[in-house]
């Protein structure tokens, strides 16, 4: 076939690529005297007549889809012609290699370069989506790396064009299985977020050298896409939280195009995007159940596993260095949390004999502690938080709040009002304290290990009325050593305006600069399921002070 002249103007020179569906030729346009690439649909030669009609329709759809997009990162389609009862696509010739070839040759791509590649692919996808085109087959083989440094997206062969009728059979899944978004595997309609998922899987493959969900069969691969998390990457660097954001199972929780572009731009500069950290999942360490207070986190002994998540644990923490005053302040914060409204001291639950505890509790909460009586908070004048509409990373109706203390968080609605106790503790509540969120910040924490800190507090709070620890487990939160504590108790009428069974959960972690953060949420046991779901959103939306 080499030397064949098509349509009286395109002469085939040599084959430069092939796949299951077709072959790509280098050719010469003898009218305009320029090199071009021509895609031959070889699969149409070996299928039934009904399947041939589907393949032909897809080829025409590919040409129409690409022709609708005007962007330098999308391979240009020049022409579609008929030969041998088959359509052939004439395209821009890109001298270079595919990302798949580059990964195979080099083993993996450096994170900053992978982010640069991803940035251009994302820009191509944004242009496609703006034109009403979903690519549906983003993968390393369809990303071209030109020898002049350009990055181009190609092969819109299974693209879905807005307004076109579907050319796939009912229940048929088309595309490379390990790059198909979970919502597509489950039969839901794809959207722009589905292409973003595929880009996330492509970037993972680039930096790790292996596809995150590929298994031994198409079925097991699809099961992994839907039900498993990608193994934590080892070589992703600043790109890691970006990939995590793109690979959220819920398409509504993935970043929008503008957020995604900002994330990739920062990662391409070697910076770890702060906004992407919202999407980094909390990874749990198996440290024993609710009844095992002596359990220790497995800091040594090789990779730890939890469910489908594997990761290498952090190095052993240094020995705790308790400081009496700081420890009492932390304990007072916990005590203030468990009594509910106003967050006063109520240290009488532990007995009034501990005068040092009482004094420290009053200092921490900024309240009077005479005779163990409960005093309401006296927040005094303080700057008002800045509220702005929530981004697409939080559910509809939520708001993001930029707190005067420097941190930012998301709240279930504008009815949640701020109560500041001192420079180290801030509450938000919609109903005077029956439900509330508490943020505690300690710049000089008692423990380097949050698990050990919460474990100590757990033992102290064991004397509360009907206290029960549901779980206490070390974890990794925001790439830092953390601990998650879940417990219940019964608040007494003499201590709070909201007596009765209550529930609380706290995520504690120590940031890289040594600051301890405690993110706490409490509410009545009767509607705890809703409160617990809100807490998960709070964790995803938390942003510590910039520093």
Protein backbone atom coordinates (compact mmCIF):
# COMPACT_ATOMS: atom_id res chain seq x y z
CA UNK A 1 0.00 0.00 0.00
CA UNK A 2 3.03 2.23 0.35
CA UNK A 3 3.04 4.81 -2.46
CA UNK A 4 -0.74 4.56 -2.88
CA UNK A 5 -2.34 7.84 -3.98
CA UNK A 6 -5.60 8.66 -2.20
CA UNK A 7 -8.19 11.09 -3.54
CA UNK A 8 -5.74 12.13 -6.22
CA UNK A 9 -3.55 14.11 -3.79
CA UNK A 10 -2.37 12.16 -0.67
CA UNK A 11 0.48 9.71 -1.29
CA UNK A 12 1.22 7.21 1.48
CA UNK A 13 4.88 7.15 2.50
CA UNK A 14 5.26 4.76 5.45
CA UNK A 15 3.32 3.40 8.41
CA UNK A 16 4.14 5.24 11.64
CA UNK A 17 1.71 3.61 14.08
CA UNK A 18 -0.97 0.99 14.45
CA UNK A 19 -3.55 -0.30 16.89
CA UNK A 20 -6.52 -2.57 17.18
CA UNK A 21 -8.73 -0.25 15.16
CA UNK A 22 -6.45 1.09 12.49
CA UNK A 23 -3.09 2.20 11.13
CA UNK A 24 -1.58 5.68 10.84
CA UNK A 25 0.46 6.59 7.77
CA UNK A 26 2.89 9.35 7.06
CA UNK A 27 1.78 10.84 3.74
CA UNK A 28 2.50 13.73 1.42
CA UNK A 29 -0.13 16.19 0.27
CA UNK A 30 0.84 16.70 -3.39
CA UNK A 31 -1.51 19.67 -3.78
CA UNK A 32 -0.27 21.77 -0.84
CA UNK A 33 3.16 20.13 -0.70
CA UNK A 34 3.14 19.36 3.01
CA UNK A 35 3.46 16.24 5.15
CA UNK A 36 0.28 14.90 6.73
CA UNK A 37 -0.82 11.91 8.75
CA UNK A 38 -3.59 9.66 7.47
CA UNK A 39 -5.57 7.28 9.66
CA UNK A 40 -6.70 4.06 7.97
CA UNK A 41 -9.56 2.13 9.55
CA UNK A 42 -8.21 -1.42 9.11
CA UNK A 43 -10.74 -2.98 11.50
CA UNK A 44 -13.51 -2.34 8.98
CA UNK A 45 -11.99 -4.98 6.72
CA UNK A 46 -12.57 -7.84 9.14
CA UNK A 47 -15.96 -7.28 10.79
CA UNK A 48 -19.55 -7.95 9.90
CA UNK A 49 -21.55 -5.48 7.88
CA UNK A 50 -23.43 -4.23 10.96
CA UNK A 51 -20.20 -3.70 12.91
CA UNK A 52 -18.63 -2.01 9.88
CA UNK A 53 -21.40 0.58 9.90
CA UNK A 54 -20.66 1.34 13.56
CA UNK A 55 -16.94 1.70 12.86
CA UNK A 56 -17.60 3.98 9.92
CA UNK A 57 -19.94 6.09 12.00
CA UNK A 58 -17.27 6.42 14.67
CA UNK A 59 -14.70 7.52 12.13
CA UNK A 60 -16.97 10.23 10.81
CA UNK A 61 -17.81 11.24 14.39
CA UNK A 62 -14.09 11.50 15.18
CA UNK A 63 -13.55 13.86 12.26
CA UNK A 64 -16.57 15.96 13.16
CA UNK A 65 -15.57 16.11 16.82
CA UNK A 66 -12.00 17.17 16.17
CA UNK A 67 -13.11 19.67 13.54
CA UNK A 68 -15.29 21.44 16.11
CA UNK A 69 -12.30 22.16 18.36
CA UNK A 70 -9.98 25.03 17.64
CA UNK A 71 -7.01 24.67 19.97
CA UNK A 72 -3.27 24.28 19.49
CA UNK A 73 -3.21 21.24 21.80
CA UNK A 74 -5.68 19.28 19.65
CA UNK A 75 -4.46 17.51 16.52
CA UNK A 76 -6.01 19.24 13.53
CA UNK A 77 -8.16 17.25 11.10
CA UNK A 78 -7.69 18.42 7.51
CA UNK A 79 -9.97 16.13 5.53
CA UNK A 80 -12.02 12.94 5.38
CA UNK A 81 -11.96 10.88 2.20
CA UNK A 82 -13.41 7.62 0.90
CA UNK A 83 -11.24 4.78 -0.41
CA UNK A 84 -11.88 1.05 -0.64
CA UNK A 85 -15.37 1.61 0.76
CA UNK A 86 -13.83 3.00 3.95
CA UNK A 87 -13.31 6.50 5.36
CA UNK A 88 -9.74 7.76 5.88
CA UNK A 89 -8.92 10.75 8.08
CA UNK A 90 -6.27 13.22 6.99
CA UNK A 91 -4.67 14.95 9.98
CA UNK A 92 -1.85 17.19 11.09
CA UNK A 93 1.43 15.26 11.21
CA UNK A 94 3.06 15.45 14.63
CA UNK A 95 6.74 14.50 14.68
CA UNK A 96 7.52 12.94 18.02
CA UNK A 97 6.22 10.12 20.21
CA UNK A 98 3.21 9.27 22.29
CA UNK A 99 3.26 9.57 26.07
CA UNK A 100 2.82 5.80 26.20
CA UNK A 101 6.01 5.35 24.17
CA UNK A 102 7.86 7.82 26.40
CA UNK A 103 6.78 5.95 29.55
CA UNK A 104 7.83 2.64 28.03
CA UNK A 105 11.21 4.02 27.05
CA UNK A 106 12.04 5.99 30.21
CA UNK A 107 10.17 3.98 32.82
CA UNK A 108 8.40 7.03 34.20
CA UNK A 109 8.09 10.78 33.68
CA UNK A 110 9.30 13.35 36.21
CA UNK A 111 6.37 14.93 38.12
CA UNK A 112 6.96 18.51 36.93
CA UNK A 113 7.12 17.38 33.29
CA UNK A 114 4.06 15.17 33.75
CA UNK A 115 2.19 18.14 35.22
CA UNK A 116 3.19 20.26 32.20
CA UNK A 117 1.91 17.55 29.88
CA UNK A 118 -1.29 17.26 31.89
CA UNK A 119 -1.78 21.02 31.78
CA UNK A 120 -1.83 21.02 27.97
CA UNK A 121 -4.09 17.98 27.81
CA UNK A 122 -6.46 19.71 30.21
CA UNK A 123 -6.47 22.82 28.04
CA UNK A 124 -7.32 20.67 25.05
CA UNK A 125 -10.14 19.05 27.01
CA UNK A 126 -11.47 22.43 28.11
CA UNK A 127 -11.61 23.52 24.49
CA UNK A 128 -13.32 20.27 23.53
CA UNK A 129 -15.88 20.52 26.32
CA UNK A 130 -16.60 24.13 25.38
CA UNK A 131 -17.34 22.89 21.86
CA UNK A 132 -19.71 20.23 23.20
CA UNK A 133 -17.28 17.32 22.74
CA UNK A 134 -16.36 14.65 25.31
CA UNK A 135 -13.21 12.75 24.39
CA UNK A 136 -13.98 9.55 26.38
CA UNK A 137 -10.62 7.91 25.63
CA UNK A 138 -7.92 10.00 27.29
CA UNK A 139 -4.92 7.74 27.88
CA UNK A 140 -1.13 7.86 27.39
CA UNK A 141 -1.40 6.47 23.86
CA UNK A 142 -3.57 9.38 22.78
CA UNK A 143 -1.27 12.09 24.13
CA UNK A 144 1.39 13.12 21.62
CA UNK A 145 4.72 14.69 22.62
CA UNK A 146 5.99 16.65 19.67
CA UNK A 147 9.72 16.98 19.10
CA UNK A 148 9.32 20.77 19.30
CA UNK A 149 7.96 20.52 22.87
CA UNK A 150 4.27 20.74 22.09
CA UNK A 151 1.72 18.43 23.73
CA UNK A 152 -1.32 17.42 21.69
CA UNK A 153 -4.42 15.34 22.33
CA UNK A 154 -5.50 13.06 19.50
CA UNK A 155 -7.91 10.24 18.60
CA UNK A 156 -11.45 11.43 19.12
CA UNK A 157 -12.63 8.12 17.67
CA UNK A 158 -15.16 7.42 20.43
CA UNK A 159 -15.88 11.05 21.30
CA UNK A 160 -19.41 11.98 22.20
CA UNK A 161 -20.58 15.08 20.39
CA UNK A 162 -23.36 17.16 21.87
CA UNK A 163 -26.48 16.81 19.76
CA UNK A 164 -25.35 13.62 17.97
CA UNK A 165 -27.22 10.38 18.51
CA UNK A 166 -25.25 7.63 20.17
CA UNK A 167 -23.33 5.20 18.00
CA UNK A 168 -22.75 2.66 20.75
CA UNK A 169 -24.93 -0.31 21.53
CA UNK A 170 -26.98 -0.38 24.71
CA UNK A 171 -24.76 -1.42 27.63
CA UNK A 172 -21.59 -1.19 25.55
CA UNK A 173 -18.52 0.33 27.19
CA UNK A 174 -16.03 1.81 24.76
CA UNK A 175 -12.56 3.05 25.58
CA UNK A 176 -9.51 1.71 27.38
CA UNK A 177 -10.94 -0.02 30.43
CA UNK A 178 -8.35 1.09 33.00
CA UNK A 179 -8.85 4.76 32.05
CA UNK A 180 -12.66 4.73 32.06
CA UNK A 181 -14.25 6.72 34.90
CA UNK A 182 -16.25 4.72 37.46
CA UNK A 183 -19.52 6.46 36.59
CA UNK A 184 -19.14 5.24 33.00
CA UNK A 185 -18.44 1.69 34.16
CA UNK A 186 -21.63 1.87 36.20
CA UNK A 187 -23.64 2.93 33.17
CA UNK A 188 -24.16 6.60 34.03
CA UNK A 189 -23.93 9.34 31.45
CA UNK A 190 -20.41 10.76 31.17
CA UNK A 191 -19.56 14.42 31.50
CA UNK A 192 -16.45 16.60 31.48
CA UNK A 193 -15.52 15.16 34.89
CA UNK A 194 -15.19 11.73 33.25
CA UNK A 195 -12.43 13.02 30.99
CA UNK A 196 -10.76 14.55 34.05
CA UNK A 197 -10.73 11.14 35.73
CA UNK A 198 -9.03 9.64 32.68
CA UNK A 199 -6.45 12.43 32.78
CA UNK A 200 -5.78 11.63 36.44
CA UNK A 201 -5.20 7.97 35.60
CA UNK A 202 -2.97 9.02 32.68
CA UNK A 203 -0.83 11.23 34.94
CA UNK A 204 -0.58 8.42 37.49
CA UNK A 205 0.69 6.08 34.80
CA UNK A 206 3.17 8.71 33.67
CA UNK A 207 4.83 9.27 37.05
CA UNK A 208 4.58 5.69 38.35
CA UNK A 209 5.15 3.79 35.12
CA UNK A 210 2.10 1.60 35.65
CA UNK A 211 -1.66 2.04 35.31
CA UNK A 212 -3.34 2.49 38.73
CA UNK A 213 -6.28 0.16 38.11
CA UNK A 214 -5.07 -2.35 35.53
CA UNK A 215 -5.66 -5.91 36.68
CA UNK A 216 -5.48 -9.34 35.07
CA UNK A 217 -8.77 -9.09 33.17
CA UNK A 218 -11.14 -6.38 31.92
CA UNK A 219 -13.73 -7.41 34.53
CA UNK A 220 -11.33 -7.22 37.47
CA UNK A 221 -10.01 -3.92 36.10
CA UNK A 222 -13.51 -2.44 36.01
CA UNK A 223 -14.11 -3.72 39.54
CA UNK A 224 -10.94 -1.94 40.65
CA UNK A 225 -12.00 1.29 38.93
CA UNK A 226 -15.33 1.29 40.75
CA UNK A 227 -14.39 -0.14 44.13
CA UNK A 228 -10.71 0.44 44.86
CA UNK A 229 -8.48 3.41 45.50
CA UNK A 230 -5.33 3.91 43.45
CA UNK A 231 -2.23 2.76 45.38
CA UNK A 232 -0.45 5.78 46.89
CA UNK A 233 2.16 6.85 44.34
CA UNK A 234 5.85 6.80 45.23
CA UNK A 235 7.22 9.20 42.66
CA UNK A 236 4.47 11.78 42.14
CA UNK A 237 5.93 14.59 44.24
CA UNK A 238 3.83 17.77 44.00
CA UNK A 239 1.51 16.03 41.53
CA UNK A 240 0.21 13.51 44.08
CA UNK A 241 -2.71 15.54 45.53
CA UNK A 242 -3.68 16.67 42.03
CA UNK A 243 -4.04 13.08 40.86
CA UNK A 244 -5.99 12.26 44.01
CA UNK A 245 -8.37 15.12 43.24
CA UNK A 246 -8.88 13.97 39.66
CA UNK A 247 -9.46 10.37 40.74
CA UNK A 248 -12.31 11.07 43.17
CA UNK A 249 -14.90 8.33 42.67
CA UNK A 250 -17.76 10.85 42.75
CA UNK A 251 -17.65 13.00 39.60
CA UNK A 252 -19.37 15.86 41.43
CA UNK A 253 -16.51 15.97 43.94
CA UNK A 254 -13.78 16.38 41.32
CA UNK A 255 -12.40 19.87 40.75
CA UNK A 256 -13.83 21.98 37.99
CA UNK A 257 -11.77 22.91 34.95
CA UNK A 258 -10.45 26.18 36.36
CA UNK A 259 -9.41 24.58 39.65
CA UNK A 260 -7.79 21.67 37.82
CA UNK A 261 -5.78 23.99 35.59
CA UNK A 262 -4.54 25.98 38.58
CA UNK A 263 -3.51 22.76 40.36
CA UNK A 264 -1.55 21.51 37.36
CA UNK A 265 0.09 24.88 36.81
CA UNK A 266 1.37 24.92 40.39
CA UNK A 267 2.54 21.31 40.20
CA UNK A 268 4.38 22.06 36.95
CA UNK A 269 6.33 24.67 38.90
CA UNK A 270 7.20 22.08 41.55
CA UNK A 271 4.77 23.51 44.10
CA UNK A 272 2.32 21.30 45.96
CA UNK A 273 -1.09 22.88 45.27
CA UNK A 274 -2.85 23.87 48.49
CA UNK A 275 -6.33 23.54 47.02
CA UNK A 276 -5.60 19.99 45.89
CA UNK A 277 -4.91 18.98 49.51
CA UNK A 278 -8.65 19.14 50.14
CA UNK A 279 -9.00 15.95 48.14
CA UNK A 280 -6.25 13.92 49.85
CA UNK A 281 -8.06 11.11 51.59
CA UNK A 282 -7.40 10.26 55.21
CA UNK A 283 -5.54 6.95 55.31
CA UNK A 284 -6.19 4.74 58.29
CA UNK A 285 -3.70 2.70 60.25
CA UNK A 286 -5.03 -0.45 61.92
CA UNK A 287 -4.14 0.18 65.55
CA UNK A 288 -6.75 -1.84 67.30
CA UNK A 289 -10.46 -1.59 67.89
CA UNK A 290 -12.46 0.50 70.27
CA UNK A 291 -11.69 -1.80 73.16
CA UNK A 292 -7.93 -1.86 72.75
CA UNK A 293 -6.51 1.18 74.52
CA UNK A 294 -3.06 -0.33 74.53
CA UNK A 295 -2.84 -0.61 70.77
CA UNK A 296 0.19 1.04 69.17
CA UNK A 297 0.39 2.39 65.62
CA UNK A 298 2.45 0.18 63.29
CA UNK A 299 5.18 2.71 62.58
CA UNK A 300 7.66 0.00 61.70
CA UNK A 301 7.58 -3.34 59.95
CA UNK A 302 7.05 -2.45 56.30
CA UNK A 303 3.98 -1.26 54.41
CA UNK A 304 0.72 -1.13 56.30
CA UNK A 305 -2.62 -1.91 54.74
CA UNK A 306 -6.15 -0.74 55.39
CA UNK A 307 -8.87 -2.03 53.11
CA UNK A 308 -7.65 -1.43 49.57
CA UNK A 309 -5.17 1.30 50.57
CA UNK A 310 -1.49 0.47 50.83
CA UNK A 311 1.17 2.89 51.89
CA UNK A 312 4.52 3.10 53.57
CA UNK A 313 4.06 4.39 57.14
CA UNK A 314 5.94 7.38 58.45
CA UNK A 315 9.20 6.84 60.35
CA UNK A 316 8.94 6.21 64.10
CA UNK A 317 7.94 9.34 65.97
CA UNK A 318 10.20 10.79 68.64
CA UNK A 319 9.28 10.10 72.24
CA UNK A 320 6.49 12.32 73.58
CA UNK A 321 7.69 15.36 75.46
CA UNK A 322 4.81 16.30 77.79
CA UNK A 323 4.66 19.79 79.29
CA UNK A 324 2.28 20.06 82.22
CA UNK A 325 0.70 23.43 81.41
CA UNK A 326 0.23 22.68 77.72
CA UNK A 327 -1.18 19.27 78.53
CA UNK A 328 -3.76 20.78 80.85
CA UNK A 329 -4.78 23.30 78.21
CA UNK A 330 -5.30 20.52 75.69
CA UNK A 331 -7.28 18.53 78.24
CA UNK A 332 -9.40 21.57 79.03
CA UNK A 333 -10.16 22.02 75.33
CA UNK A 334 -11.37 18.44 75.19
CA UNK A 335 -13.43 18.89 78.33
CA UNK A 336 -14.97 22.06 76.98
CA UNK A 337 -15.83 20.16 73.84
CA UNK A 338 -17.64 17.29 75.52
CA UNK A 339 -20.06 19.42 77.54
CA UNK A 340 -21.65 20.93 74.46
CA UNK A 341 -23.08 24.45 74.60
CA UNK A 342 -20.84 27.42 75.32
CA UNK A 343 -17.88 25.11 75.78
CA UNK A 344 -17.39 26.16 79.40
CA UNK A 345 -15.28 24.12 81.76
CA UNK A 346 -17.48 21.62 83.59
CA UNK A 347 -14.38 20.06 85.07
CA UNK A 348 -16.52 19.01 88.02
CA UNK A 349 -17.24 15.89 85.96
CA UNK A 350 -13.69 14.84 86.75
CA UNK A 351 -13.97 15.98 90.37
CA UNK A 352 -13.32 19.36 91.93
CA UNK A 353 -10.18 18.18 93.71
CA UNK A 354 -7.95 18.85 90.71
CA UNK A 355 -7.41 22.57 91.18
CA UNK A 356 -4.63 22.71 88.55
CA UNK A 357 -6.93 21.24 85.96
CA UNK A 358 -9.66 23.73 86.86
CA UNK A 359 -7.34 26.70 86.61
CA UNK A 360 -5.92 25.59 83.28
CA UNK A 361 -9.39 24.93 81.95
CA UNK A 362 -10.45 28.45 82.79
CA UNK A 363 -7.35 29.84 81.11
CA UNK A 364 -7.91 27.78 77.98
CA UNK A 365 -11.61 28.50 77.60
CA UNK A 366 -11.48 32.11 78.77
CA UNK A 367 -14.22 31.53 81.37
CA UNK A 368 -14.66 31.80 85.14
CA UNK A 369 -14.26 28.54 87.07
CA UNK A 370 -15.28 29.48 90.60
CA UNK A 371 -16.85 26.54 92.43
CA UNK A 372 -16.92 24.54 89.22
CA UNK A 373 -19.88 26.53 87.90
CA UNK A 374 -20.49 26.69 84.16
CA UNK A 375 -19.97 30.11 82.61
CA UNK A 376 -20.92 31.08 79.10
CA UNK A 377 -18.16 32.11 76.69
CA UNK A 378 -17.16 35.73 76.56
CA UNK A 379 -15.88 36.04 73.01
CA UNK A 380 -15.72 39.84 73.07
CA UNK A 381 -15.27 41.84 69.90
CA UNK A 382 -13.53 39.96 67.14
CA UNK A 383 -13.29 40.27 63.38
CA UNK A 384 -16.10 38.71 61.42
CA UNK A 385 -15.27 35.76 59.19
CA UNK A 386 -15.42 36.23 55.45
CA UNK A 387 -18.06 34.02 53.85
CA UNK A 388 -18.03 33.18 50.17
CA UNK A 389 -19.94 30.69 47.99
CA UNK A 390 -18.72 27.15 48.24
CA UNK A 391 -16.66 25.71 45.38
CA UNK A 392 -17.63 22.56 43.54
CA UNK A 393 -15.66 20.49 46.07
CA UNK A 394 -18.45 20.84 48.69
CA UNK A 395 -22.15 20.07 48.45
CA UNK A 396 -24.66 22.63 47.28
CA UNK A 397 -25.77 24.96 50.05
CA UNK A 398 -22.44 24.88 51.88
CA UNK A 399 -20.25 27.95 52.22
CA UNK A 400 -16.52 28.50 52.57
CA UNK A 401 -15.47 30.72 55.46
CA UNK A 402 -12.14 32.52 55.73
CA UNK A 403 -11.74 32.75 59.49
CA UNK A 404 -9.97 35.79 61.05
CA UNK A 405 -7.57 33.33 62.71
CA UNK A 406 -6.14 32.60 59.26
CA UNK A 407 -7.61 29.20 58.48
CA UNK A 408 -10.41 28.43 56.03
CA UNK A 409 -13.17 25.85 56.34
CA UNK A 410 -16.48 24.87 54.80
CA UNK A 411 -19.75 25.02 56.76
CA UNK A 412 -23.17 23.43 56.11
CA UNK A 413 -24.74 26.86 55.66
CA UNK A 414 -24.59 30.55 56.49
CA UNK A 415 -26.59 29.99 59.68
CA UNK A 416 -23.46 28.66 61.40
CA UNK A 417 -22.14 31.52 63.55
CA UNK A 418 -18.65 32.07 64.90
CA UNK A 419 -17.75 31.99 68.61
CA UNK A 420 -14.09 32.71 69.46
CA UNK A 421 -12.81 31.76 72.92
CA UNK A 422 -9.18 32.79 72.54
CA UNK A 423 -6.46 32.78 69.92
CA UNK A 424 -6.31 28.98 70.02
CA UNK A 425 -9.97 27.92 69.83
CA UNK A 426 -12.84 28.85 67.52
CA UNK A 427 -16.34 27.39 67.35
CA UNK A 428 -19.07 27.55 64.73
CA UNK A 429 -22.65 26.62 65.68
CA UNK A 430 -26.09 27.02 64.08
CA UNK A 431 -28.13 26.60 67.27
CA UNK A 432 -26.29 28.03 70.26
CA UNK A 433 -24.10 24.99 70.79
CA UNK A 434 -26.28 21.92 70.40
CA UNK A 435 -24.38 21.19 67.20
CA UNK A 436 -20.98 22.74 66.77
CA UNK A 437 -17.65 22.60 65.01
CA UNK A 438 -14.50 23.42 66.98
CA UNK A 439 -11.08 24.27 65.62
CA UNK A 440 -8.26 24.15 68.18
CA UNK A 441 -4.73 25.23 67.29
CA UNK A 442 -1.67 24.55 69.46
CA UNK A 443 1.64 25.98 68.29
CA UNK A 444 3.49 24.16 71.09
CA UNK A 445 1.79 20.76 71.37
CA UNK A 446 2.41 18.31 74.19
CA UNK A 447 3.00 15.39 71.87
CA UNK A 448 4.67 14.94 68.53
CA UNK A 449 2.29 12.01 67.94
CA UNK A 450 -1.43 12.93 67.78
CA UNK A 451 -2.41 9.31 68.46
CA UNK A 452 -0.60 9.34 71.77
CA UNK A 453 -2.12 12.71 72.62
CA UNK A 454 -5.68 11.58 71.93
CA UNK A 455 -5.03 8.32 73.72
CA UNK A 456 -4.05 10.26 76.83
CA UNK A 457 -7.17 12.42 76.56
CA UNK A 458 -9.29 9.32 76.06
CA UNK A 459 -8.06 7.92 79.35
CA UNK A 460 -8.76 11.22 81.10
CA UNK A 461 -12.29 11.44 79.74
CA UNK A 462 -13.08 7.86 80.73
CA UNK A 463 -14.70 9.17 83.89
CA UNK A 464 -17.38 11.14 82.06
CA UNK A 465 -20.95 9.94 82.44
CA UNK A 466 -21.44 6.86 80.25
CA UNK A 467 -18.35 7.69 78.20
CA UNK A 468 -17.66 5.17 75.43
CA UNK A 469 -14.87 5.27 72.92
CA UNK A 470 -16.19 4.14 69.54
CA UNK A 471 -12.78 4.18 67.86
CA UNK A 472 -9.34 5.70 68.23
CA UNK A 473 -6.94 5.13 65.38
CA UNK A 474 -3.77 6.65 64.00
CA UNK A 475 -4.00 7.86 60.42
CA UNK A 476 -2.42 10.05 57.80
CA UNK A 477 -4.24 13.34 57.21
CA UNK A 478 -3.00 15.95 54.73
CA UNK A 479 0.28 14.05 54.39
CA UNK A 480 0.88 14.43 58.12
CA UNK A 481 0.74 12.08 61.10
CA UNK A 482 -2.75 12.25 62.56
CA UNK A 483 -5.31 10.46 64.69
CA UNK A 484 -9.11 10.09 64.53
CA UNK A 485 -11.11 9.79 67.74
CA UNK A 486 -14.82 8.93 67.85
CA UNK A 487 -16.72 8.72 71.14
CA UNK A 488 -20.07 9.08 72.93
CA UNK A 489 -21.16 10.17 76.38
CA UNK A 490 -24.17 11.50 78.24
CA UNK A 491 -24.18 15.24 78.94
CA UNK A 492 -25.68 16.04 82.37
CA UNK A 493 -28.31 18.76 82.96
CA UNK A 494 -26.11 20.45 85.54
CA UNK A 495 -23.35 20.94 82.97
CA UNK A 496 -25.10 21.97 79.77
CA UNK A 497 -28.26 23.37 78.24
CA UNK A 498 -28.33 20.35 75.93
CA UNK A 499 -28.31 17.26 78.18
CA UNK A 500 -28.65 13.72 76.96
CA UNK A 501 -26.72 11.27 74.78
CA UNK A 502 -24.14 13.00 72.62
CA UNK A 503 -21.57 12.00 70.04
CA UNK A 504 -18.31 13.60 68.93
CA UNK A 505 -15.50 13.01 66.47
CA UNK A 506 -12.11 14.68 66.29
CA UNK A 507 -9.35 14.61 63.67
CA UNK A 508 -6.05 15.72 65.14
CA UNK A 509 -2.84 16.14 63.20
CA UNK A 510 0.54 17.85 63.50
CA UNK A 511 1.54 19.85 60.44
CA UNK A 512 5.00 19.87 58.97
CA UNK A 513 5.81 23.08 60.84
CA UNK A 514 4.97 21.46 64.18
CA UNK A 515 1.53 23.03 64.77
CA UNK A 516 -1.15 20.75 66.19
CA UNK A 517 -4.64 21.13 64.73
CA UNK A 518 -7.76 19.53 66.20
CA UNK A 519 -10.88 19.52 64.00
CA UNK A 520 -13.82 18.56 66.16
CA UNK A 521 -17.56 18.18 65.64
CA UNK A 522 -20.26 17.30 68.16
CA UNK A 523 -24.01 16.84 68.18
CA UNK A 524 -26.85 14.86 69.73
CA UNK A 525 -26.70 11.10 69.25
CA UNK A 526 -30.17 11.09 67.69
CA UNK A 527 -29.04 12.78 64.45
CA UNK A 528 -25.41 11.73 64.50
CA UNK A 529 -25.41 10.16 61.05
CA UNK A 530 -26.03 13.56 59.45
CA UNK A 531 -23.43 15.24 61.66
CA UNK A 532 -20.86 12.56 60.84
CA UNK A 533 -21.41 13.02 57.11
CA UNK A 534 -20.96 16.76 57.56
CA UNK A 535 -17.68 16.13 59.37
CA UNK A 536 -16.31 14.26 56.35
CA UNK A 537 -17.04 17.30 54.19
CA UNK A 538 -15.40 19.51 56.83
CA UNK A 539 -12.23 17.42 56.60
CA UNK A 540 -12.12 17.70 52.83
CA UNK A 541 -12.63 21.45 52.92
CA UNK A 542 -10.18 22.34 55.72
CA UNK A 543 -7.33 24.69 54.88
CA UNK A 544 -4.80 25.62 57.59
CA UNK A 545 -3.38 29.14 57.80
CA UNK A 546 -0.97 29.95 55.01
CA UNK A 547 2.59 30.01 56.20
